Amino acid sequence: MPTLTIILGLCGSGKSHLIKLIASEIRFDEGFLNCKADHEWLFRALKRGEDCAVIEICYCVESYRKQFLAELAHRVKKVHVRWLCFENDIRRANANCRLRPTRNPKSHMRINRRVRKEYTYPEGATILKVWRDQE
């Protein structure tokens, strides 16, 4: 049975770093929620028995998770879903956003302020500390 690893966390929490460490050749980064082509690719890979990994900040919000899980259950009959969730630590996540030289930290910090209010952990999730380069 294939494993689908879903990584949740605020911007700057360490999701992109972590997904590189996941033993999966098929990985999807932010923007997965609204990319139906990526959904199709994921479902085909899982049906072939391939392990996959997804980063999607919107899945921090339970209603988006439930919608995706319903689609997954309808499309792929046998799959193990593993949740890796970074703690909801806006202070550390925003500090990491400010350290990024090539991205817009203010935009990511605005996203964090919105998402943190509704960020919940799925049942059975592994909760991870926010990665921090300077500590």
Protein backbone atom coordinates (compact mmCIF):
# COMPACT_ATOMS: atom_id res chain seq x y z
CA MET A 1 0.00 0.00 0.00
CA PRO A 2 1.47 3.39 -0.97
CA THR A 3 2.05 6.15 1.56
CA LEU A 4 0.99 9.73 0.98
CA THR A 5 2.93 12.06 3.26
CA ILE A 6 1.29 15.45 3.72
CA ILE A 7 3.41 18.17 5.29
CA LEU A 8 1.67 21.07 7.02
CA GLY A 9 3.05 24.24 8.52
CA LEU A 10 3.18 27.98 8.32
CA CYS A 11 5.37 29.75 5.78
CA GLY A 12 8.95 29.53 7.01
CA SER A 13 8.37 26.47 9.19
CA GLY A 14 10.63 24.12 7.22
CA LYS A 15 8.20 22.32 4.89
CA SER A 16 10.31 22.71 1.75
CA HIS A 17 13.42 21.47 3.54
CA LEU A 18 11.58 18.48 5.01
CA ILE A 19 10.01 17.32 1.75
CA LYS A 20 13.49 16.95 0.27
CA LEU A 21 14.24 14.39 3.00
CA ILE A 22 11.13 12.29 2.33
CA ALA A 23 11.86 9.00 0.54
CA SER A 24 9.54 9.73 -2.36
CA GLU A 25 10.28 10.51 -5.96
CA ILE A 26 6.92 12.19 -6.50
CA ARG A 27 6.58 15.45 -4.61
CA PHE A 28 4.19 18.37 -4.86
CA ASP A 29 4.87 21.78 -3.39
CA GLU A 30 2.59 24.69 -2.45
CA GLY A 31 -0.22 25.41 -4.87
CA PHE A 32 -1.33 21.79 -4.93
CA LEU A 33 -4.83 22.64 -3.66
CA ASN A 34 -5.93 24.36 -6.86
CA CYS A 35 -3.94 22.39 -9.43
CA LYS A 36 -6.22 19.64 -10.73
CA ALA A 37 -3.46 18.35 -13.02
CA ASP A 38 -1.31 17.70 -9.95
CA HIS A 39 -4.24 15.92 -8.29
CA GLU A 40 -4.58 13.63 -11.31
CA TRP A 41 -0.83 12.93 -11.34
CA LEU A 42 -0.92 12.15 -7.61
CA PHE A 43 -3.88 9.78 -7.89
CA ARG A 44 -2.30 7.91 -10.82
CA ALA A 45 0.98 7.52 -8.92
CA LEU A 46 -0.75 6.26 -5.78
CA LYS A 47 -2.77 3.76 -7.82
CA ARG A 48 0.53 2.45 -9.22
CA GLY A 49 1.67 1.95 -5.64
CA GLU A 50 4.16 4.82 -5.57
CA ASP A 51 4.79 6.80 -2.38
CA CYS A 52 4.15 10.52 -2.72
CA ALA A 53 4.57 13.69 -0.66
CA VAL A 54 2.60 16.94 -0.69
CA ILE A 55 3.10 20.37 0.86
CA GLU A 56 -0.04 22.49 1.03
CA ILE A 57 -0.47 25.25 3.60
CA CYS A 58 -4.23 25.31 2.97
CA TYR A 59 -4.48 21.81 4.47
CA CYS A 60 -3.62 23.38 7.83
CA VAL A 61 -7.34 24.30 7.75
CA GLU A 62 -9.59 21.33 8.52
CA SER A 63 -12.25 22.10 5.89
CA TYR A 64 -9.68 21.99 3.06
CA ARG A 65 -8.20 18.77 4.45
CA LYS A 66 -11.61 17.12 4.61
CA GLN A 67 -12.40 18.11 1.03
CA PHE A 68 -9.12 16.65 -0.23
CA LEU A 69 -9.44 13.47 1.84
CA ALA A 70 -12.93 12.88 0.43
CA GLU A 71 -11.57 13.21 -3.11
CA LEU A 72 -8.64 10.92 -2.25
CA ALA A 73 -10.92 8.24 -0.77
CA HIS A 74 -13.11 8.35 -3.86
CA ARG A 75 -10.19 8.10 -6.29
CA VAL A 76 -7.68 5.82 -4.49
CA LYS A 77 -9.00 2.88 -2.50
CA LYS A 78 -5.85 1.83 -0.65
CA VAL A 79 -3.45 4.46 0.62
CA HIS A 80 -1.83 5.25 3.96
CA VAL A 81 -1.89 8.97 4.78
CA ARG A 82 0.90 10.21 7.05
CA TRP A 83 0.65 13.73 8.45
CA LEU A 84 3.81 15.64 9.37
CA CYS A 85 2.85 18.97 10.91
CA PHE A 86 5.09 21.76 12.03
CA GLU A 87 3.94 23.39 15.23
CA ASN A 88 1.83 26.53 14.94
CA ASP A 89 4.68 28.81 16.03
CA ILE A 90 4.25 32.08 14.17
CA ARG A 91 7.16 33.75 15.95
CA ARG A 92 9.75 31.25 14.69
CA ALA A 93 8.13 30.83 11.28
CA ASN A 94 8.08 34.59 10.69
CA ALA A 95 11.70 34.89 11.85
CA ASN A 96 12.62 32.35 9.17
CA CYS A 97 10.59 34.28 6.58
CA ARG A 98 12.61 37.41 7.36
CA LEU A 99 15.86 35.48 6.78
CA ARG A 100 14.91 34.54 3.20
CA PRO A 101 16.79 36.88 0.87
CA THR A 102 14.97 35.97 -2.34
CA ARG A 103 11.32 35.94 -1.26
CA ASN A 104 8.78 38.48 -0.05
CA PRO A 105 8.78 38.04 3.75
CA LYS A 106 5.90 40.46 4.37
CA SER A 107 3.61 38.49 2.08
CA HIS A 108 4.46 35.21 3.81
CA MET A 109 4.00 36.77 7.24
CA ARG A 110 0.52 38.00 6.19
CA ILE A 111 -0.35 34.46 5.11
CA ASN A 112 0.88 33.15 8.46
CA ARG A 113 -1.32 35.58 10.39
CA ARG A 114 -4.39 34.34 8.50
CA VAL A 115 -3.59 30.61 8.61
CA ARG A 116 -2.46 30.35 12.25
CA LYS A 117 -5.96 31.19 13.49
CA GLU A 118 -7.45 28.10 11.82
CA TYR A 119 -4.42 25.79 11.93
CA THR A 120 -5.38 22.46 13.49
CA TYR A 121 -3.56 19.15 13.51
CA PRO A 122 -5.15 16.08 11.92
CA GLU A 123 -5.73 13.10 14.17
CA GLY A 124 -2.60 10.97 14.48
CA ALA A 125 -0.29 13.67 13.13
CA THR A 126 3.37 13.88 14.06
CA ILE A 127 4.07 17.38 15.38
CA LEU A 128 7.49 18.81 14.57
CA LYS A 129 9.33 21.85 15.89
CA VAL A 130 9.66 24.74 13.46
CA TRP A 131 13.06 24.48 11.83
CA ARG A 132 15.29 27.43 12.65
CA ASP A 133 18.62 28.09 11.00
CA GLN A 134 19.89 30.59 13.55
CA GLU A 135 19.46 28.47 16.73
